[in-house]
């Protein structure tokens, strides 16, 4: 799988062991560890997280990229997983390190991921969801060409709390893909 570039100057590439410090910083907030199947709390955990992303890519069950800045540092992650080859669908996720927030990293990465998914990845429909109390994530979805499809009540549980999710989707034949 080739590297992807964005018009904004970001590079999307496979994860490297040298990205472990960025992964560790990204997962430092407790809310981030709710989004992974095993906590990332030290360098060894970060390396296991990276190895899992590489294994999933090799197995074609998930495609995860590091979004890298001009200095070569990993600023965030974009991924498509929950891949269903029969229906040509996938679930998009994204995160950025705290220092990268507000710089357009996630939006640029998600747009590049969608271009790859529709042109080379064999996908027709990409979906994503965000907690309704996370307006920044909603802006990423909207800026990335994902149309809102409604609210899923109490969809996710983090700790003792359940959260409503706003679902968004982008299709291969949406007008946004032909700009």
C-alpha atoms as a PDB file:
ATOM      1  CA  UNK A   1       0.000   0.000   0.000  1.00  0.00           C
ATOM      2  CA  UNK A   2       1.517   3.231  -1.109  1.00  0.00           C
ATOM      3  CA  UNK A   3       1.894   6.357   0.932  1.00  0.00           C
ATOM      4  CA  UNK A   4      -0.794   8.989   0.505  1.00  0.00           C
ATOM      5  CA  UNK A   5      -0.299  12.743   0.420  1.00  0.00           C
ATOM      6  CA  UNK A   6      -2.713  15.564   1.082  1.00  0.00           C
ATOM      7  CA  UNK A   7      -2.906  18.979  -0.583  1.00  0.00           C
ATOM      8  CA  UNK A   8      -2.271  20.443   2.883  1.00  0.00           C
ATOM      9  CA  UNK A   9       1.188  18.861   2.970  1.00  0.00           C
ATOM     10  CA  UNK A  10       0.555  15.899   5.259  1.00  0.00           C
ATOM     11  CA  UNK A  11       1.798  12.399   4.475  1.00  0.00           C
ATOM     12  CA  UNK A  12      -0.139   9.252   5.320  1.00  0.00           C
ATOM     13  CA  UNK A  13       2.082   6.227   5.775  1.00  0.00           C
ATOM     14  CA  UNK A  14       2.281   2.933   7.627  1.00  0.00           C
ATOM     15  CA  UNK A  15       3.009   3.069  11.316  1.00  0.00           C
ATOM     16  CA  UNK A  16       6.644   2.677  12.382  1.00  0.00           C
ATOM     17  CA  UNK A  17       8.096   1.640  15.754  1.00  0.00           C
ATOM     18  CA  UNK A  18       9.620   5.125  15.966  1.00  0.00           C
ATOM     19  CA  UNK A  19       6.051   6.497  16.158  1.00  0.00           C
ATOM     20  CA  UNK A  20       5.575   4.945  19.614  1.00  0.00           C
ATOM     21  CA  UNK A  21       6.142   8.245  21.500  1.00  0.00           C
ATOM     22  CA  UNK A  22       3.384   9.943  19.455  1.00  0.00           C
ATOM     23  CA  UNK A  23       1.018   7.017  20.077  1.00  0.00           C
ATOM     24  CA  UNK A  24       1.785   7.173  23.787  1.00  0.00           C
ATOM     25  CA  UNK A  25       1.090  10.942  23.873  1.00  0.00           C
ATOM     26  CA  UNK A  26      -2.162  10.486  21.953  1.00  0.00           C
ATOM     27  CA  UNK A  27      -3.431   7.836  24.359  1.00  0.00           C
ATOM     28  CA  UNK A  28      -2.418   9.726  27.499  1.00  0.00           C
ATOM     29  CA  UNK A  29      -5.927  11.182  28.058  1.00  0.00           C
ATOM     30  CA  UNK A  30      -8.175   8.596  29.721  1.00  0.00           C
ATOM     31  CA  UNK A  31     -10.911   9.106  27.107  1.00  0.00           C
ATOM     32  CA  UNK A  32      -8.582   7.873  24.359  1.00  0.00           C
ATOM     33  CA  UNK A  33      -8.070   4.514  26.056  1.00  0.00           C
ATOM     34  CA  UNK A  34     -11.818   3.927  25.875  1.00  0.00           C
ATOM     35  CA  UNK A  35     -11.375   3.728  22.120  1.00  0.00           C
ATOM     36  CA  UNK A  36      -8.946   0.830  22.017  1.00  0.00           C
ATOM     37  CA  UNK A  37      -9.248  -2.817  22.962  1.00  0.00           C
ATOM     38  CA  UNK A  38      -6.266  -2.624  25.314  1.00  0.00           C
ATOM     39  CA  UNK A  39      -4.865   0.375  27.185  1.00  0.00           C
ATOM     40  CA  UNK A  40      -1.808   2.190  25.860  1.00  0.00           C
ATOM     41  CA  UNK A  41       0.005   3.382  28.957  1.00  0.00           C
ATOM     42  CA  UNK A  42       3.715   2.865  28.246  1.00  0.00           C
ATOM     43  CA  UNK A  43       6.225   2.452  25.412  1.00  0.00           C
ATOM     44  CA  UNK A  44       5.684  -1.322  25.238  1.00  0.00           C
ATOM     45  CA  UNK A  45       1.908  -0.846  24.906  1.00  0.00           C
ATOM     46  CA  UNK A  46       2.448   1.696  22.133  1.00  0.00           C
ATOM     47  CA  UNK A  47       4.653  -0.761  20.244  1.00  0.00           C
ATOM     48  CA  UNK A  48       2.000  -3.479  20.624  1.00  0.00           C
ATOM     49  CA  UNK A  49      -0.623  -1.007  19.306  1.00  0.00           C
ATOM     50  CA  UNK A  50       1.561  -0.271  16.253  1.00  0.00           C
ATOM     51  CA  UNK A  51       2.236  -3.965  15.628  1.00  0.00           C
ATOM     52  CA  UNK A  52      -1.516  -4.635  15.748  1.00  0.00           C
ATOM     53  CA  UNK A  53      -2.165  -1.946  13.122  1.00  0.00           C
ATOM     54  CA  UNK A  54       0.470  -3.466  10.832  1.00  0.00           C
ATOM     55  CA  UNK A  55      -0.912  -6.992  11.299  1.00  0.00           C
ATOM     56  CA  UNK A  56      -4.473  -5.819  10.541  1.00  0.00           C
ATOM     57  CA  UNK A  57      -3.277  -4.103   7.371  1.00  0.00           C
ATOM     58  CA  UNK A  58      -1.420  -7.226   6.268  1.00  0.00           C
ATOM     59  CA  UNK A  59      -4.551  -9.303   6.953  1.00  0.00           C
ATOM     60  CA  UNK A  60      -6.717  -6.729   5.097  1.00  0.00           C
ATOM     61  CA  UNK A  61      -9.083  -6.390   8.078  1.00  0.00           C
ATOM     62  CA  UNK A  62      -8.215  -2.757   8.806  1.00  0.00           C
ATOM     63  CA  UNK A  63      -6.184  -0.039   7.116  1.00  0.00           C
ATOM     64  CA  UNK A  64      -4.524   2.428   9.441  1.00  0.00           C
ATOM     65  CA  UNK A  65      -2.179   5.273   8.558  1.00  0.00           C
ATOM     66  CA  UNK A  66      -0.045   7.625  10.575  1.00  0.00           C
ATOM     67  CA  UNK A  67      -0.710  11.208   9.498  1.00  0.00           C
ATOM     68  CA  UNK A  68       2.728  12.768   9.415  1.00  0.00           C
ATOM     69  CA  UNK A  69       3.786  16.412   9.394  1.00  0.00           C
ATOM     70  CA  UNK A  70       6.642  18.114   7.566  1.00  0.00           C
ATOM     71  CA  UNK A  71       9.130  17.226  10.313  1.00  0.00           C
ATOM     72  CA  UNK A  72       8.311  13.516   9.946  1.00  0.00           C
ATOM     73  CA  UNK A  73       6.459  13.292  13.264  1.00  0.00           C
ATOM     74  CA  UNK A  74       3.214  11.342  13.573  1.00  0.00           C
ATOM     75  CA  UNK A  75       0.462  13.849  14.324  1.00  0.00           C
ATOM     76  CA  UNK A  76      -2.508  11.519  14.197  1.00  0.00           C
ATOM     77  CA  UNK A  77      -4.154   8.429  12.843  1.00  0.00           C
ATOM     78  CA  UNK A  78      -6.807   7.721  10.239  1.00  0.00           C
ATOM     79  CA  UNK A  79      -8.180   4.258   9.688  1.00  0.00           C
ATOM     80  CA  UNK A  80     -10.904   2.270   8.045  1.00  0.00           C
ATOM     81  CA  UNK A  81     -11.873  -0.957   9.765  1.00  0.00           C
ATOM     82  CA  UNK A  82     -14.922  -3.102  10.402  1.00  0.00           C
ATOM     83  CA  UNK A  83     -14.390  -3.922   6.753  1.00  0.00           C
ATOM     84  CA  UNK A  84     -17.229  -5.764   5.057  1.00  0.00           C
ATOM     85  CA  UNK A  85     -16.090  -6.883   1.594  1.00  0.00           C
ATOM     86  CA  UNK A  86     -19.512  -8.242   0.641  1.00  0.00           C
ATOM     87  CA  UNK A  87     -21.195  -4.869   1.132  1.00  0.00           C
ATOM     88  CA  UNK A  88     -18.038  -2.821   0.347  1.00  0.00           C
ATOM     89  CA  UNK A  89     -18.327  -0.862   3.603  1.00  0.00           C
ATOM     90  CA  UNK A  90     -15.955   0.269   6.297  1.00  0.00           C
ATOM     91  CA  UNK A  91     -15.905   2.289   9.522  1.00  0.00           C
ATOM     92  CA  UNK A  92     -13.644   5.345   9.595  1.00  0.00           C
ATOM     93  CA  UNK A  93     -11.895   6.488  12.744  1.00  0.00           C
ATOM     94  CA  UNK A  94      -9.409   9.241  13.444  1.00  0.00           C
ATOM     95  CA  UNK A  95      -7.488  10.902  16.224  1.00  0.00           C
ATOM     96  CA  UNK A  96      -4.724  13.441  16.617  1.00  0.00           C
ATOM     97  CA  UNK A  97      -2.136  14.167  19.233  1.00  0.00           C
ATOM     98  CA  UNK A  98      -3.094  17.074  21.460  1.00  0.00           C
ATOM     99  CA  UNK A  99      -0.482  19.376  19.915  1.00  0.00           C
ATOM    100  CA  UNK A 100      -1.875  18.680  16.408  1.00  0.00           C
ATOM    101  CA  UNK A 101      -5.493  19.558  17.212  1.00  0.00           C
ATOM    102  CA  UNK A 102      -7.002  22.463  15.322  1.00  0.00           C
ATOM    103  CA  UNK A 103      -4.478  22.229  12.459  1.00  0.00           C
ATOM    104  CA  UNK A 104      -6.651  20.325   9.981  1.00  0.00           C
ATOM    105  CA  UNK A 105      -4.705  17.088  10.446  1.00  0.00           C
ATOM    106  CA  UNK A 106      -7.733  14.834  10.954  1.00  0.00           C
ATOM    107  CA  UNK A 107      -9.826  16.385   8.158  1.00  0.00           C
ATOM    108  CA  UNK A 108      -6.978  16.223   5.638  1.00  0.00           C
ATOM    109  CA  UNK A 109      -6.210  12.650   6.659  1.00  0.00           C
ATOM    110  CA  UNK A 110      -9.821  11.489   6.437  1.00  0.00           C
ATOM    111  CA  UNK A 111     -10.250  13.059   2.981  1.00  0.00           C
ATOM    112  CA  UNK A 112      -7.097  11.272   1.746  1.00  0.00           C
ATOM    113  CA  UNK A 113      -8.255   8.013   3.324  1.00  0.00           C
ATOM    114  CA  UNK A 114     -11.652   8.318   1.596  1.00  0.00           C
ATOM    115  CA  UNK A 115      -9.994   8.958  -1.792  1.00  0.00           C
ATOM    116  CA  UNK A 116      -7.883   5.811  -1.324  1.00  0.00           C
ATOM    117  CA  UNK A 117     -10.864   3.758  -0.089  1.00  0.00           C
ATOM    118  CA  UNK A 118     -13.010   4.612  -3.100  1.00  0.00           C
ATOM    119  CA  UNK A 119     -10.324   4.536  -5.803  1.00  0.00           C
ATOM    120  CA  UNK A 120      -8.106   1.677  -4.652  1.00  0.00           C
ATOM    121  CA  UNK A 121      -9.568   0.048  -1.557  1.00  0.00           C
ATOM    122  CA  UNK A 122     -12.716  -1.373  -3.130  1.00  0.00           C
ATOM    123  CA  UNK A 123     -15.135   0.458  -0.814  1.00  0.00           C
ATOM    124  CA  UNK A 124     -18.501   1.937  -1.759  1.00  0.00           C
ATOM    125  CA  UNK A 125     -19.692   3.245   1.638  1.00  0.00           C
ATOM    126  CA  UNK A 126     -17.665   4.675   4.508  1.00  0.00           C
ATOM    127  CA  UNK A 127     -19.283   5.370   7.870  1.00  0.00           C
ATOM    128  CA  UNK A 128     -18.148   7.142  11.000  1.00  0.00           C
ATOM    129  CA  UNK A 129     -19.698   8.230  14.253  1.00  0.00           C
ATOM    130  CA  UNK A 130     -18.857  10.648  17.019  1.00  0.00           C
ATOM    131  CA  UNK A 131     -20.268  11.382  20.447  1.00  0.00           C
ATOM    132  CA  UNK A 132     -22.863  14.128  20.192  1.00  0.00           C
ATOM    133  CA  UNK A 133     -20.931  16.059  22.839  1.00  0.00           C
ATOM    134  CA  UNK A 134     -17.837  16.205  20.587  1.00  0.00           C
ATOM    135  CA  UNK A 135     -18.375  19.105  18.150  1.00  0.00           C
ATOM    136  CA  UNK A 136     -14.738  19.024  16.984  1.00  0.00           C
ATOM    137  CA  UNK A 137     -15.186  15.478  15.693  1.00  0.00           C
ATOM    138  CA  UNK A 138     -18.410  16.523  13.964  1.00  0.00           C
ATOM    139  CA  UNK A 139     -16.494  19.299  12.176  1.00  0.00           C
ATOM    140  CA  UNK A 140     -13.933  16.736  10.972  1.00  0.00           C
ATOM    141  CA  UNK A 141     -16.737  14.581   9.553  1.00  0.00           C
ATOM    142  CA  UNK A 142     -18.398  17.520   7.814  1.00  0.00           C
ATOM    143  CA  UNK A 143     -15.121  18.946   6.437  1.00  0.00           C
ATOM    144  CA  UNK A 144     -14.297  15.485   5.129  1.00  0.00           C
ATOM    145  CA  UNK A 145     -17.475  15.241   3.066  1.00  0.00           C
ATOM    146  CA  UNK A 146     -19.412  12.873   5.335  1.00  0.00           C
ATOM    147  CA  UNK A 147     -23.152  13.584   5.449  1.00  0.00           C
ATOM    148  CA  UNK A 148     -25.006  13.296   8.741  1.00  0.00           C
ATOM    149  CA  UNK A 149     -27.444  10.394   8.847  1.00  0.00           C
ATOM    150  CA  UNK A 150     -28.881  10.759  12.342  1.00  0.00           C
ATOM    151  CA  UNK A 151     -28.427   9.958  16.000  1.00  0.00           C
ATOM    152  CA  UNK A 152     -27.897   6.511  17.466  1.00  0.00           C
ATOM    153  CA  UNK A 153     -29.048   6.669  21.065  1.00  0.00           C
ATOM    154  CA  UNK A 154     -26.779   5.273  23.786  1.00  0.00           C
ATOM    155  CA  UNK A 155     -24.607   3.568  21.136  1.00  0.00           C
ATOM    156  CA  UNK A 156     -21.287   3.636  23.005  1.00  0.00           C
ATOM    157  CA  UNK A 157     -20.343   2.901  26.601  1.00  0.00           C
ATOM    158  CA  UNK A 158     -17.194   4.413  28.045  1.00  0.00           C
ATOM    159  CA  UNK A 159     -16.743   3.479  31.669  1.00  0.00           C
ATOM    160  CA  UNK A 160     -20.121   3.739  33.409  1.00  0.00           C
ATOM    161  CA  UNK A 161     -21.618   6.180  30.900  1.00  0.00           C
ATOM    162  CA  UNK A 162     -23.433   5.684  27.623  1.00  0.00           C
ATOM    163  CA  UNK A 163     -23.223   8.213  24.799  1.00  0.00           C
ATOM    164  CA  UNK A 164     -25.413   9.103  21.864  1.00  0.00           C
ATOM    165  CA  UNK A 165     -23.598   8.984  18.535  1.00  0.00           C
ATOM    166  CA  UNK A 166     -24.160  11.039  15.413  1.00  0.00           C
ATOM    167  CA  UNK A 167     -23.673   8.795  12.381  1.00  0.00           C
ATOM    168  CA  UNK A 168     -22.155  10.164   9.147  1.00  0.00           C
ATOM    169  CA  UNK A 169     -21.465   8.449   5.826  1.00  0.00           C
ATOM    170  CA  UNK A 170     -19.799   9.119   2.510  1.00  0.00           C
ATOM    171  CA  UNK A 171     -20.504   7.126  -0.645  1.00  0.00           C
ATOM    172  CA  UNK A 172     -18.244   6.496  -3.615  1.00  0.00           C
ATOM    173  CA  UNK A 173     -20.654   8.304  -5.918  1.00  0.00           C
ATOM    174  CA  UNK A 174     -21.262  11.351  -3.684  1.00  0.00           C
ATOM    175  CA  UNK A 175     -20.668  14.645  -5.460  1.00  0.00           C
ATOM    176  CA  UNK A 176     -17.861  15.505  -3.009  1.00  0.00           C
ATOM    177  CA  UNK A 177     -15.733  12.812  -4.676  1.00  0.00           C
ATOM    178  CA  UNK A 178     -15.806  14.619  -8.012  1.00  0.00           C
ATOM    179  CA  UNK A 179     -14.644  18.091  -6.944  1.00  0.00           C
END
